[in-house]
Amino acid sequence: KESNPNMTIEDVWAESVRGRSVPLGRMGESEEAGDVIAFLASERASYLTGIAINIDGGTSAVL
């Protein structure tokens, strides 16, 4: 993951805390959501209807 030179120490700390609250232990990357979106927009997902897919690192499973 590329570092963001504009992030403050508070931003880094907040991201770390949020990541610890996710069962997978980290925040998701935008590319990971993009992969799901690309699949849903593809012909391979043509048989799916009315489904909700949580892209949340397992958070919804523990709520």
C-alpha atoms as a PDB file:
ATOM      1  CA  LYS A   1       0.000   0.000   0.000  1.00  0.00           C
ATOM      2  CA  GLU A   2       1.336   3.409  -0.902  1.00  0.00           C
ATOM      3  CA  SER A   3       1.833   5.871   1.918  1.00  0.00           C
ATOM      4  CA  ASN A   4       0.037   9.181   1.807  1.00  0.00           C
ATOM      5  CA  PRO A   5       2.395  12.067   2.627  1.00  0.00           C
ATOM      6  CA  ASN A   6      -0.602  14.252   3.534  1.00  0.00           C
ATOM      7  CA  MET A   7      -1.707  11.979   6.391  1.00  0.00           C
ATOM      8  CA  THR A   8      -1.200  13.321   9.896  1.00  0.00           C
ATOM      9  CA  ILE A   9      -0.187  11.112  12.804  1.00  0.00           C
ATOM     10  CA  GLU A  10      -3.814  11.338  13.943  1.00  0.00           C
ATOM     11  CA  ASP A  11      -4.967   9.997  10.553  1.00  0.00           C
ATOM     12  CA  VAL A  12      -2.544   7.078  10.791  1.00  0.00           C
ATOM     13  CA  TRP A  13      -3.676   6.304  14.343  1.00  0.00           C
ATOM     14  CA  ALA A  14      -7.375   6.493  13.416  1.00  0.00           C
ATOM     15  CA  GLU A  15      -6.854   4.143  10.460  1.00  0.00           C
ATOM     16  CA  SER A  16      -5.012   1.697  12.707  1.00  0.00           C
ATOM     17  CA  VAL A  17      -7.818   1.719  15.286  1.00  0.00           C
ATOM     18  CA  ARG A  18     -10.465   1.177  12.600  1.00  0.00           C
ATOM     19  CA  GLY A  19      -8.468  -1.726  11.171  1.00  0.00           C
ATOM     20  CA  ARG A  20      -8.287  -3.445  14.550  1.00  0.00           C
ATOM     21  CA  SER A  21     -12.072  -3.372  14.823  1.00  0.00           C
ATOM     22  CA  VAL A  22     -12.401  -5.346  11.553  1.00  0.00           C
ATOM     23  CA  PRO A  23     -12.194  -9.162  11.953  1.00  0.00           C
ATOM     24  CA  LEU A  24      -9.697  -9.413   9.091  1.00  0.00           C
ATOM     25  CA  GLY A  25      -7.514  -6.942  10.997  1.00  0.00           C
ATOM     26  CA  ARG A  26      -7.237  -4.227   8.382  1.00  0.00           C
ATOM     27  CA  MET A  27      -9.249  -1.758   6.369  1.00  0.00           C
ATOM     28  CA  GLY A  28     -10.246  -2.870   2.892  1.00  0.00           C
ATOM     29  CA  GLU A  29      -8.645  -1.493  -0.228  1.00  0.00           C
ATOM     30  CA  SER A  30     -10.711   0.185  -2.936  1.00  0.00           C
ATOM     31  CA  GLU A  31      -9.429  -2.389  -5.431  1.00  0.00           C
ATOM     32  CA  GLU A  32     -11.046  -5.163  -3.367  1.00  0.00           C
ATOM     33  CA  ALA A  33     -14.462  -3.525  -3.648  1.00  0.00           C
ATOM     34  CA  GLY A  34     -13.765  -2.864  -7.329  1.00  0.00           C
ATOM     35  CA  ASP A  35     -13.144  -6.562  -7.939  1.00  0.00           C
ATOM     36  CA  VAL A  36     -16.574  -7.406  -6.521  1.00  0.00           C
ATOM     37  CA  ILE A  37     -18.225  -4.637  -8.529  1.00  0.00           C
ATOM     38  CA  ALA A  38     -16.503  -5.773 -11.730  1.00  0.00           C
ATOM     39  CA  PHE A  39     -17.690  -9.333 -11.130  1.00  0.00           C
ATOM     40  CA  LEU A  40     -21.277  -8.214 -10.521  1.00  0.00           C
ATOM     41  CA  ALA A  41     -21.212  -6.192 -13.742  1.00  0.00           C
ATOM     42  CA  SER A  42     -19.874  -9.143 -15.723  1.00  0.00           C
ATOM     43  CA  GLU A  43     -21.668 -11.898 -17.596  1.00  0.00           C
ATOM     44  CA  ARG A  44     -20.395 -14.360 -14.965  1.00  0.00           C
ATOM     45  CA  ALA A  45     -22.873 -12.864 -12.475  1.00  0.00           C
ATOM     46  CA  SER A  46     -25.841 -13.035 -14.846  1.00  0.00           C
ATOM     47  CA  TYR A  47     -27.702 -15.574 -12.681  1.00  0.00           C
ATOM     48  CA  LEU A  48     -27.490 -13.473  -9.507  1.00  0.00           C
ATOM     49  CA  THR A  49     -30.591 -11.509  -8.564  1.00  0.00           C
ATOM     50  CA  GLY A  50     -31.499  -9.567  -5.450  1.00  0.00           C
ATOM     51  CA  ILE A  51     -28.391 -10.334  -3.455  1.00  0.00           C
ATOM     52  CA  ALA A  52     -26.613  -8.143  -0.898  1.00  0.00           C
ATOM     53  CA  ILE A  53     -22.858  -8.587  -0.672  1.00  0.00           C
ATOM     54  CA  ASN A  54     -21.159  -7.050   2.342  1.00  0.00           C
ATOM     55  CA  ILE A  55     -17.628  -5.918   1.566  1.00  0.00           C
ATOM     56  CA  ASP A  56     -16.708  -5.275   5.185  1.00  0.00           C
ATOM     57  CA  GLY A  57     -13.898  -7.616   6.177  1.00  0.00           C
ATOM     58  CA  GLY A  58     -16.260  -9.783   8.216  1.00  0.00           C
ATOM     59  CA  THR A  59     -17.639  -6.988  10.390  1.00  0.00           C
ATOM     60  CA  SER A  60     -21.288  -7.797   9.636  1.00  0.00           C
ATOM     61  CA  ALA A  61     -20.773 -11.421  10.714  1.00  0.00           C
ATOM     62  CA  VAL A  62     -19.897 -10.359  14.264  1.00  0.00           C
ATOM     63  CA  LEU A  63     -22.575  -7.692  14.761  1.00  0.00           C
END
